[in-house]
């Protein structure tokens, strides 16, 4: 499956639902938001990423593509996320027909997740549900009236040593 096939599949899913396409981007609007979906091809192989974003009408973008956005994932379903990433890696041995069928379901799931966000209040809830305020620009958090959380990783000598050994071994193919 190449990018052209993937774009065609996404178009088959999104067009009947009222999304407008421009290159490998699809969007739909509500009275308060623009909801967007993007198909991104990796520069390093035949691998794809599914991105989404929300633009709040009336709020300046300040050079950003969207106010809230990221890579699509299934909430609280690590196994499904792992399988989705396998589907998006077109260099593995999943047969094209199976990949196409499963990717259609992933795209439908993405659309369902995005389409549930219709208002600014829904964006606030989306941010809370996915615990992603640390990814949202400060000025957007201020506009939404939410606290921007920071991720702080506790670093210990033991954890740093484990990280160093793991990555050293990967780098030199020891493991």
Protein backbone atom coordinates (compact mmCIF):
# COMPACT_ATOMS: atom_id res chain seq x y z
CA UNK A 1 0.00 0.00 0.00
CA UNK A 2 1.42 3.37 -0.96
CA UNK A 3 0.44 6.91 0.02
CA UNK A 4 -1.91 7.28 -2.96
CA UNK A 5 -3.82 4.13 -1.90
CA UNK A 6 -3.92 5.33 1.70
CA UNK A 7 -5.24 8.77 0.69
CA UNK A 8 -7.90 7.13 -1.48
CA UNK A 9 -9.00 4.92 1.44
CA UNK A 10 -9.16 7.90 3.80
CA UNK A 11 -11.13 9.88 1.22
CA UNK A 12 -13.63 7.00 0.91
CA UNK A 13 -14.17 7.15 4.67
CA UNK A 14 -14.24 10.93 5.20
CA UNK A 15 -15.97 12.35 2.10
CA UNK A 16 -19.41 10.78 2.79
CA UNK A 17 -19.22 12.27 6.30
CA UNK A 18 -18.87 15.81 4.94
CA UNK A 19 -15.11 16.30 5.33
CA UNK A 20 -13.33 18.48 2.80
CA UNK A 21 -10.02 17.25 1.42
CA UNK A 22 -6.92 19.24 0.56
CA UNK A 23 -3.89 17.08 -0.33
CA UNK A 24 -3.59 14.62 2.59
CA UNK A 25 -5.68 16.74 4.98
CA UNK A 26 -9.40 16.52 5.74
CA UNK A 27 -11.44 19.01 7.75
CA UNK A 28 -14.95 19.70 8.96
CA UNK A 29 -16.39 22.67 10.81
CA UNK A 30 -18.77 23.36 13.65
CA UNK A 31 -19.89 26.79 14.80
CA UNK A 32 -16.94 26.94 17.26
CA UNK A 33 -14.22 24.68 15.80
CA UNK A 34 -12.45 23.36 12.77
CA UNK A 35 -11.68 19.66 13.20
CA UNK A 36 -8.85 18.32 11.08
CA UNK A 37 -7.25 15.00 10.23
CA UNK A 38 -3.92 14.54 8.50
CA UNK A 39 -2.13 11.58 6.96
CA UNK A 40 1.64 11.97 7.28
CA UNK A 41 4.23 9.75 5.60
CA UNK A 42 7.48 9.10 7.39
CA UNK A 43 10.67 10.34 5.76
CA UNK A 44 12.42 7.13 6.83
CA UNK A 45 10.30 4.44 5.22
CA UNK A 46 6.86 3.35 4.13
CA UNK A 47 5.34 4.24 7.50
CA UNK A 48 2.41 6.56 8.16
CA UNK A 49 1.09 8.65 11.03
CA UNK A 50 -2.51 9.67 11.69
CA UNK A 51 -2.74 13.15 13.16
CA UNK A 52 -5.73 15.14 14.33
CA UNK A 53 -6.20 18.73 15.38
CA UNK A 54 -8.75 21.24 16.61
CA UNK A 55 -8.69 24.91 15.70
CA UNK A 56 -10.76 27.19 17.91
CA UNK A 57 -12.48 29.79 15.77
CA UNK A 58 -11.62 33.32 16.84
CA UNK A 59 -8.40 32.32 18.63
CA UNK A 60 -5.16 33.30 16.92
CA UNK A 61 -3.02 30.34 15.77
CA UNK A 62 0.30 32.17 16.29
CA UNK A 63 2.06 30.12 13.64
CA UNK A 64 0.72 26.75 14.77
CA UNK A 65 -1.20 24.25 12.63
CA UNK A 66 -3.82 23.76 15.34
CA UNK A 67 -4.57 24.70 18.95
CA UNK A 68 -4.95 21.16 20.23
CA UNK A 69 -3.70 18.16 18.34
CA UNK A 70 -1.53 15.11 18.20
CA UNK A 71 -1.23 11.61 16.88
CA UNK A 72 -4.32 9.45 16.95
CA UNK A 73 -4.42 6.77 19.63
CA UNK A 74 -7.00 4.57 21.30
CA UNK A 75 -7.66 5.70 24.84
CA UNK A 76 -6.62 3.08 27.41
CA UNK A 77 -6.03 0.35 24.81
CA UNK A 78 -2.30 -0.22 24.38
CA UNK A 79 -2.81 -3.50 22.50
CA UNK A 80 -5.03 -1.81 19.89
CA UNK A 81 -2.54 1.07 19.58
CA UNK A 82 0.30 -1.38 18.95
CA UNK A 83 -1.69 -3.16 16.24
CA UNK A 84 -2.64 0.17 14.64
CA UNK A 85 1.06 1.09 14.40
CA UNK A 86 1.76 -2.27 12.72
CA UNK A 87 -0.97 -1.50 10.18
CA UNK A 88 0.54 1.93 9.50
CA UNK A 89 3.94 0.35 8.82
CA UNK A 90 3.54 -0.79 5.22
CA UNK A 91 6.93 -2.49 5.23
CA UNK A 92 5.69 -5.48 7.23
CA UNK A 93 4.00 -8.58 5.80
CA UNK A 94 0.32 -7.81 6.47
CA UNK A 95 -1.58 -8.64 3.25
CA UNK A 96 -2.87 -5.52 1.46
CA UNK A 97 -6.55 -6.55 1.60
CA UNK A 98 -6.39 -7.21 5.35
CA UNK A 99 -4.44 -3.97 5.91
CA UNK A 100 -7.01 -2.01 3.89
CA UNK A 101 -9.94 -3.49 5.83
CA UNK A 102 -8.32 -2.89 9.23
CA UNK A 103 -7.15 0.63 8.31
CA UNK A 104 -10.68 1.51 7.24
CA UNK A 105 -11.80 0.61 10.78
CA UNK A 106 -8.98 2.70 12.29
CA UNK A 107 -9.99 5.70 10.14
CA UNK A 108 -13.64 5.26 11.13
CA UNK A 109 -12.59 5.14 14.80
CA UNK A 110 -10.52 8.30 14.35
CA UNK A 111 -13.43 10.09 12.72
CA UNK A 112 -15.77 9.02 15.51
CA UNK A 113 -13.34 10.31 18.12
CA UNK A 114 -12.90 13.65 16.33
CA UNK A 115 -16.59 14.14 15.48
CA UNK A 116 -17.58 13.93 19.16
CA UNK A 117 -15.68 17.19 19.72
CA UNK A 118 -18.05 19.93 18.56
CA UNK A 119 -17.57 22.82 21.01
CA UNK A 120 -14.86 24.53 23.05
CA UNK A 121 -16.25 22.72 26.11
CA UNK A 122 -15.78 19.42 24.26
CA UNK A 123 -12.14 20.40 23.58
CA UNK A 124 -11.65 20.96 27.33
CA UNK A 125 -13.12 17.53 28.03
CA UNK A 126 -11.00 15.93 25.30
CA UNK A 127 -7.85 17.39 26.85
CA UNK A 128 -8.88 16.05 30.27
CA UNK A 129 -9.87 12.61 28.93
CA UNK A 130 -6.53 12.14 27.20
CA UNK A 131 -4.54 13.86 29.97
CA UNK A 132 -2.79 16.01 27.40
CA UNK A 133 -2.73 19.54 28.82
CA UNK A 134 1.08 19.37 28.83
CA UNK A 135 0.92 19.29 24.99
CA UNK A 136 -1.34 22.32 24.67
CA UNK A 137 0.28 25.77 24.24
CA UNK A 138 0.13 27.97 27.34
CA UNK A 139 -1.99 30.67 25.69
CA UNK A 140 -4.55 28.04 24.61
CA UNK A 141 -4.72 26.63 28.15
CA UNK A 142 -5.27 30.17 29.44
CA UNK A 143 -8.03 30.74 26.88
CA UNK A 144 -9.69 27.44 27.85
CA UNK A 145 -9.24 28.13 31.56
CA UNK A 146 -7.35 24.90 32.23
CA UNK A 147 -4.13 24.29 34.10
CA UNK A 148 -1.22 23.25 31.92
CA UNK A 149 0.42 20.24 33.52
CA UNK A 150 4.10 19.59 33.22
CA UNK A 151 5.71 16.21 32.90
CA UNK A 152 8.49 15.73 35.38
CA UNK A 153 10.49 12.55 35.19
CA UNK A 154 12.19 11.49 38.37
CA UNK A 155 15.74 10.61 37.42
CA UNK A 156 17.76 8.36 39.63
CA UNK A 157 21.21 6.96 39.17
CA UNK A 158 19.72 3.48 38.85
CA UNK A 159 17.19 4.48 36.14
CA UNK A 160 19.83 6.50 34.27
CA UNK A 161 22.20 3.53 34.34
CA UNK A 162 19.50 1.19 32.99
CA UNK A 163 18.69 3.66 30.21
CA UNK A 164 22.38 4.03 29.31
CA UNK A 165 22.97 0.25 29.19
CA UNK A 166 19.83 -0.37 27.13
CA UNK A 167 20.61 2.28 24.53
CA UNK A 168 24.31 1.45 24.39
CA UNK A 169 23.45 -2.18 23.67
CA UNK A 170 20.92 -1.18 20.99
CA UNK A 171 23.41 1.14 19.37
CA UNK A 172 26.07 -1.53 19.10
CA UNK A 173 23.69 -4.47 18.45
CA UNK A 174 24.82 -6.31 21.58
CA UNK A 175 21.33 -7.48 22.62
